[in-house]
Amino acid sequence: MKNDPLVIRPFDKATDIAPLSAVWFDASLAAHPFLGRARLLEQRKLIEDLYLPSSETWVACRHDTPVGFISLLDGFIGGLFVSPGCQGQGIGRRLVDRALTLKGTLSLDVYTRNEQACAFYTALGFRELSRRPTDDNGLPFELAHMQLVS
């Protein structure tokens, strides 16, 4: 997009927790309805208290408003979320490009029931390396492990 006002900046713990939590929750409700609202509400507290503060997070902003983010644990993408109203505009792709430039190789786990995310990652060049039948909580939600090398 020409003159795209999107800026990608480092996470700021003092100001970003609440808006990124909202992005995560809205995007998770849309992408992971199979997990259920109650479970997502439980996970939201972990996102705010543990995951965002302990990862390397890059924030995509339009006009100073966070619209997406990517959280990294070394070269592992712990989360990539874009506000539902902003999806399909290249924000996720730009966040992955930033992470790939920083890390050289990226990997992630994605719910196979999230067909939109699986297709997105495949279109970016991620390749599936393996699958497992349960998620990190031992629940019966299949995860695909994928990798992208620059």
C-alpha atoms as a PDB file:
ATOM      1  CA  MET A   1       0.000   0.000   0.000  1.00  0.00           C
ATOM      2  CA  LYS A   2       1.441   3.368  -0.960  1.00  0.00           C
ATOM      3  CA  ASN A   3       1.602   5.847   1.917  1.00  0.00           C
ATOM      4  CA  ASP A   4       0.584   3.088   4.325  1.00  0.00           C
ATOM      5  CA  PRO A   5       0.710   4.667   7.799  1.00  0.00           C
ATOM      6  CA  LEU A   6       1.674   1.324   9.355  1.00  0.00           C
ATOM      7  CA  VAL A   7       4.586   1.546  11.784  1.00  0.00           C
ATOM      8  CA  ILE A   8       6.183  -1.469  13.443  1.00  0.00           C
ATOM      9  CA  ARG A   9       7.796  -0.652  16.761  1.00  0.00           C
ATOM     10  CA  PRO A  10       9.053  -2.495  19.853  1.00  0.00           C
ATOM     11  CA  PHE A  11       6.599  -3.410  22.604  1.00  0.00           C
ATOM     12  CA  ASP A  12       6.200  -0.877  25.420  1.00  0.00           C
ATOM     13  CA  LYS A  13       5.138  -2.594  28.642  1.00  0.00           C
ATOM     14  CA  ALA A  14       3.831   0.681  30.086  1.00  0.00           C
ATOM     15  CA  THR A  15       1.311   1.301  27.301  1.00  0.00           C
ATOM     16  CA  ASP A  16       0.819  -1.838  25.195  1.00  0.00           C
ATOM     17  CA  ILE A  17      -0.530  -4.541  27.520  1.00  0.00           C
ATOM     18  CA  ALA A  18      -4.212  -3.522  27.368  1.00  0.00           C
ATOM     19  CA  PRO A  19      -4.459  -2.755  23.628  1.00  0.00           C
ATOM     20  CA  LEU A  20      -2.506  -5.873  22.626  1.00  0.00           C
ATOM     21  CA  SER A  21      -4.603  -7.991  24.965  1.00  0.00           C
ATOM     22  CA  ALA A  22      -7.694  -6.646  23.184  1.00  0.00           C
ATOM     23  CA  VAL A  23      -6.189  -7.411  19.752  1.00  0.00           C
ATOM     24  CA  TRP A  24      -5.297 -10.921  20.935  1.00  0.00           C
ATOM     25  CA  PHE A  25      -8.752 -11.577  22.399  1.00  0.00           C
ATOM     26  CA  ASP A  26     -10.733 -10.295  19.396  1.00  0.00           C
ATOM     27  CA  ALA A  27      -8.527 -12.168  16.930  1.00  0.00           C
ATOM     28  CA  SER A  28      -8.613 -15.334  19.056  1.00  0.00           C
ATOM     29  CA  LEU A  29     -12.407 -15.291  19.287  1.00  0.00           C
ATOM     30  CA  ALA A  30     -12.560 -15.127  15.487  1.00  0.00           C
ATOM     31  CA  ALA A  31      -9.791 -17.655  14.768  1.00  0.00           C
ATOM     32  CA  HIS A  32     -10.230 -20.133  17.624  1.00  0.00           C
ATOM     33  CA  PRO A  33     -13.947 -20.438  18.392  1.00  0.00           C
ATOM     34  CA  PHE A  34     -13.390 -24.148  19.083  1.00  0.00           C
ATOM     35  CA  LEU A  35     -11.446 -23.209  22.253  1.00  0.00           C
ATOM     36  CA  GLY A  36     -14.474 -21.461  23.731  1.00  0.00           C
ATOM     37  CA  ARG A  37     -14.865 -17.994  25.206  1.00  0.00           C
ATOM     38  CA  ALA A  38     -14.296 -19.141  28.809  1.00  0.00           C
ATOM     39  CA  ARG A  39     -10.906 -20.706  27.981  1.00  0.00           C
ATOM     40  CA  LEU A  40      -9.876 -17.633  25.994  1.00  0.00           C
ATOM     41  CA  LEU A  41     -10.758 -15.404  28.940  1.00  0.00           C
ATOM     42  CA  GLU A  42      -8.536 -17.576  31.154  1.00  0.00           C
ATOM     43  CA  GLN A  43      -5.700 -17.383  28.631  1.00  0.00           C
ATOM     44  CA  ARG A  44      -6.074 -13.613  28.321  1.00  0.00           C
ATOM     45  CA  LYS A  45      -4.778 -13.149  31.867  1.00  0.00           C
ATOM     46  CA  LEU A  46      -1.676 -15.212  30.969  1.00  0.00           C
ATOM     47  CA  ILE A  47      -1.194 -13.123  27.828  1.00  0.00           C
ATOM     48  CA  GLU A  48      -1.205  -9.939  29.908  1.00  0.00           C
ATOM     49  CA  ASP A  49       0.814 -11.123  32.905  1.00  0.00           C
ATOM     50  CA  LEU A  50       3.269 -13.600  31.419  1.00  0.00           C
ATOM     51  CA  TYR A  51       3.493 -13.937  27.653  1.00  0.00           C
ATOM     52  CA  LEU A  52       3.631 -10.315  26.491  1.00  0.00           C
ATOM     53  CA  PRO A  53       6.082  -9.127  29.155  1.00  0.00           C
ATOM     54  CA  SER A  54       8.446 -12.104  28.699  1.00  0.00           C
ATOM     55  CA  SER A  55       8.653 -12.250  24.902  1.00  0.00           C
ATOM     56  CA  GLU A  56      10.230 -10.060  22.251  1.00  0.00           C
ATOM     57  CA  THR A  57       7.161  -8.353  20.850  1.00  0.00           C
ATOM     58  CA  TRP A  58       6.825  -6.069  17.848  1.00  0.00           C
ATOM     59  CA  VAL A  59       3.712  -3.930  17.527  1.00  0.00           C
ATOM     60  CA  ALA A  60       2.078  -2.835  14.267  1.00  0.00           C
ATOM     61  CA  CYS A  61       0.375   0.555  14.655  1.00  0.00           C
ATOM     62  CA  ARG A  62      -1.761   2.719  12.444  1.00  0.00           C
ATOM     63  CA  HIS A  63      -1.955   6.328  13.587  1.00  0.00           C
ATOM     64  CA  ASP A  64      -0.415   5.287  16.948  1.00  0.00           C
ATOM     65  CA  THR A  65      -3.127   2.641  17.512  1.00  0.00           C
ATOM     66  CA  PRO A  66      -1.944  -0.986  17.831  1.00  0.00           C
ATOM     67  CA  VAL A  67      -3.612  -3.162  15.173  1.00  0.00           C
ATOM     68  CA  GLY A  68      -1.408  -6.254  15.423  1.00  0.00           C
ATOM     69  CA  PHE A  69       1.659  -7.800  16.986  1.00  0.00           C
ATOM     70  CA  ILE A  70       4.123 -10.642  16.776  1.00  0.00           C
ATOM     71  CA  SER A  71       5.707 -12.164  19.886  1.00  0.00           C
ATOM     72  CA  LEU A  72       8.960 -14.078  19.577  1.00  0.00           C
ATOM     73  CA  LEU A  73      10.783 -16.506  21.819  1.00  0.00           C
ATOM     74  CA  ASP A  74      14.117 -16.532  20.004  1.00  0.00           C
ATOM     75  CA  GLY A  75      13.080 -17.732  16.516  1.00  0.00           C
ATOM     76  CA  PHE A  76       9.764 -19.216  17.637  1.00  0.00           C
ATOM     77  CA  ILE A  77       6.620 -17.210  16.949  1.00  0.00           C
ATOM     78  CA  GLY A  78       4.656 -17.483  20.175  1.00  0.00           C
ATOM     79  CA  GLY A  79       1.863 -15.387  18.713  1.00  0.00           C
ATOM     80  CA  LEU A  80       0.904 -13.406  15.648  1.00  0.00           C
ATOM     81  CA  PHE A  81      -2.378 -11.559  15.907  1.00  0.00           C
ATOM     82  CA  VAL A  82      -4.020  -8.838  13.833  1.00  0.00           C
ATOM     83  CA  SER A  83      -7.275  -7.082  14.696  1.00  0.00           C
ATOM     84  CA  PRO A  84     -10.082  -8.790  12.741  1.00  0.00           C
ATOM     85  CA  GLY A  85     -11.027  -5.527  11.010  1.00  0.00           C
ATOM     86  CA  CYS A  86      -7.460  -5.062   9.787  1.00  0.00           C
ATOM     87  CA  GLN A  87      -6.782  -8.580   8.502  1.00  0.00           C
ATOM     88  CA  GLY A  88      -6.028  -9.048   4.824  1.00  0.00           C
ATOM     89  CA  GLN A  89      -4.138  -5.744   4.606  1.00  0.00           C
ATOM     90  CA  GLY A  90      -0.571  -7.091   4.753  1.00  0.00           C
ATOM     91  CA  ILE A  91      -0.009  -6.394   8.448  1.00  0.00           C
ATOM     92  CA  GLY A  92       0.709 -10.005   9.395  1.00  0.00           C
ATOM     93  CA  ARG A  93       3.040 -10.380   6.420  1.00  0.00           C
ATOM     94  CA  ARG A  94       4.983  -7.271   7.448  1.00  0.00           C
ATOM     95  CA  LEU A  95       5.288  -8.496  11.030  1.00  0.00           C
ATOM     96  CA  VAL A  96       6.617 -11.862   9.827  1.00  0.00           C
ATOM     97  CA  ASP A  97       9.042 -10.070   7.485  1.00  0.00           C
ATOM     98  CA  ARG A  98      10.371  -8.032  10.433  1.00  0.00           C
ATOM     99  CA  ALA A  99      10.803 -11.172  12.538  1.00  0.00           C
ATOM    100  CA  LEU A 100      12.477 -13.076   9.703  1.00  0.00           C
ATOM    101  CA  THR A 101      14.923 -10.210   9.153  1.00  0.00           C
ATOM    102  CA  LEU A 102      15.782 -10.272  12.858  1.00  0.00           C
ATOM    103  CA  LYS A 103      15.995 -14.039  13.332  1.00  0.00           C
ATOM    104  CA  GLY A 104      16.755 -15.623   9.930  1.00  0.00           C
ATOM    105  CA  THR A 105      14.673 -18.712  10.706  1.00  0.00           C
ATOM    106  CA  LEU A 106      11.209 -18.804  12.226  1.00  0.00           C
ATOM    107  CA  SER A 107       9.087 -21.631  13.555  1.00  0.00           C
ATOM    108  CA  LEU A 108       5.614 -21.802  15.046  1.00  0.00           C
ATOM    109  CA  ASP A 109       2.786 -24.060  16.083  1.00  0.00           C
ATOM    110  CA  VAL A 110      -0.642 -23.417  14.583  1.00  0.00           C
ATOM    111  CA  TYR A 111      -4.007 -25.027  15.228  1.00  0.00           C
ATOM    112  CA  THR A 112      -4.864 -27.046  12.138  1.00  0.00           C
ATOM    113  CA  ARG A 113      -8.520 -26.096  12.617  1.00  0.00           C
ATOM    114  CA  ASN A 114      -7.503 -22.485  11.995  1.00  0.00           C
ATOM    115  CA  GLU A 115      -7.519 -22.961   8.223  1.00  0.00           C
ATOM    116  CA  GLN A 116      -7.042 -19.252   7.493  1.00  0.00           C
ATOM    117  CA  ALA A 117      -3.821 -19.133   9.532  1.00  0.00           C
ATOM    118  CA  CYS A 118      -2.522 -22.383   8.019  1.00  0.00           C
ATOM    119  CA  ALA A 119      -3.113 -20.996   4.514  1.00  0.00           C
ATOM    120  CA  PHE A 120      -1.492 -17.668   5.464  1.00  0.00           C
ATOM    121  CA  TYR A 121       1.670 -19.305   6.768  1.00  0.00           C
ATOM    122  CA  THR A 122       1.882 -21.651   3.789  1.00  0.00           C
ATOM    123  CA  ALA A 123       1.535 -18.681   1.403  1.00  0.00           C
ATOM    124  CA  LEU A 124       4.465 -16.984   3.187  1.00  0.00           C
ATOM    125  CA  GLY A 125       6.633 -20.053   2.576  1.00  0.00           C
ATOM    126  CA  PHE A 126       6.356 -21.840   5.926  1.00  0.00           C
ATOM    127  CA  ARG A 127       6.623 -25.612   5.573  1.00  0.00           C
ATOM    128  CA  GLU A 128       4.977 -28.098   7.892  1.00  0.00           C
ATOM    129  CA  LEU A 129       7.509 -30.253   9.730  1.00  0.00           C
ATOM    130  CA  SER A 130       5.223 -32.253  12.024  1.00  0.00           C
ATOM    131  CA  ARG A 131       1.844 -32.506  13.736  1.00  0.00           C
ATOM    132  CA  ARG A 132       0.737 -33.477  17.184  1.00  0.00           C
ATOM    133  CA  PRO A 133      -2.787 -34.397  18.266  1.00  0.00           C
ATOM    134  CA  THR A 134      -2.999 -32.184  21.372  1.00  0.00           C
ATOM    135  CA  ASP A 135      -2.224 -28.578  22.221  1.00  0.00           C
ATOM    136  CA  ASP A 136       0.081 -27.329  24.985  1.00  0.00           C
ATOM    137  CA  ASN A 137      -2.673 -27.914  27.552  1.00  0.00           C
ATOM    138  CA  GLY A 138      -3.186 -31.521  26.462  1.00  0.00           C
ATOM    139  CA  LEU A 139      -6.527 -30.715  24.847  1.00  0.00           C
ATOM    140  CA  PRO A 140      -7.519 -32.566  21.661  1.00  0.00           C
ATOM    141  CA  PHE A 141      -6.764 -29.701  19.270  1.00  0.00           C
ATOM    142  CA  GLU A 142      -4.221 -30.704  16.636  1.00  0.00           C
ATOM    143  CA  LEU A 143      -1.196 -28.461  16.124  1.00  0.00           C
ATOM    144  CA  ALA A 144       1.047 -28.250  13.065  1.00  0.00           C
ATOM    145  CA  HIS A 145       4.690 -27.282  13.624  1.00  0.00           C
ATOM    146  CA  MET A 146       5.926 -25.113  10.752  1.00  0.00           C
ATOM    147  CA  GLN A 147       9.210 -23.458   9.802  1.00  0.00           C
ATOM    148  CA  LEU A 148      10.366 -20.660   7.502  1.00  0.00           C
ATOM    149  CA  VAL A 149      14.000 -20.106   6.540  1.00  0.00           C
ATOM    150  CA  SER A 150      15.147 -16.862   4.930  1.00  0.00           C
END
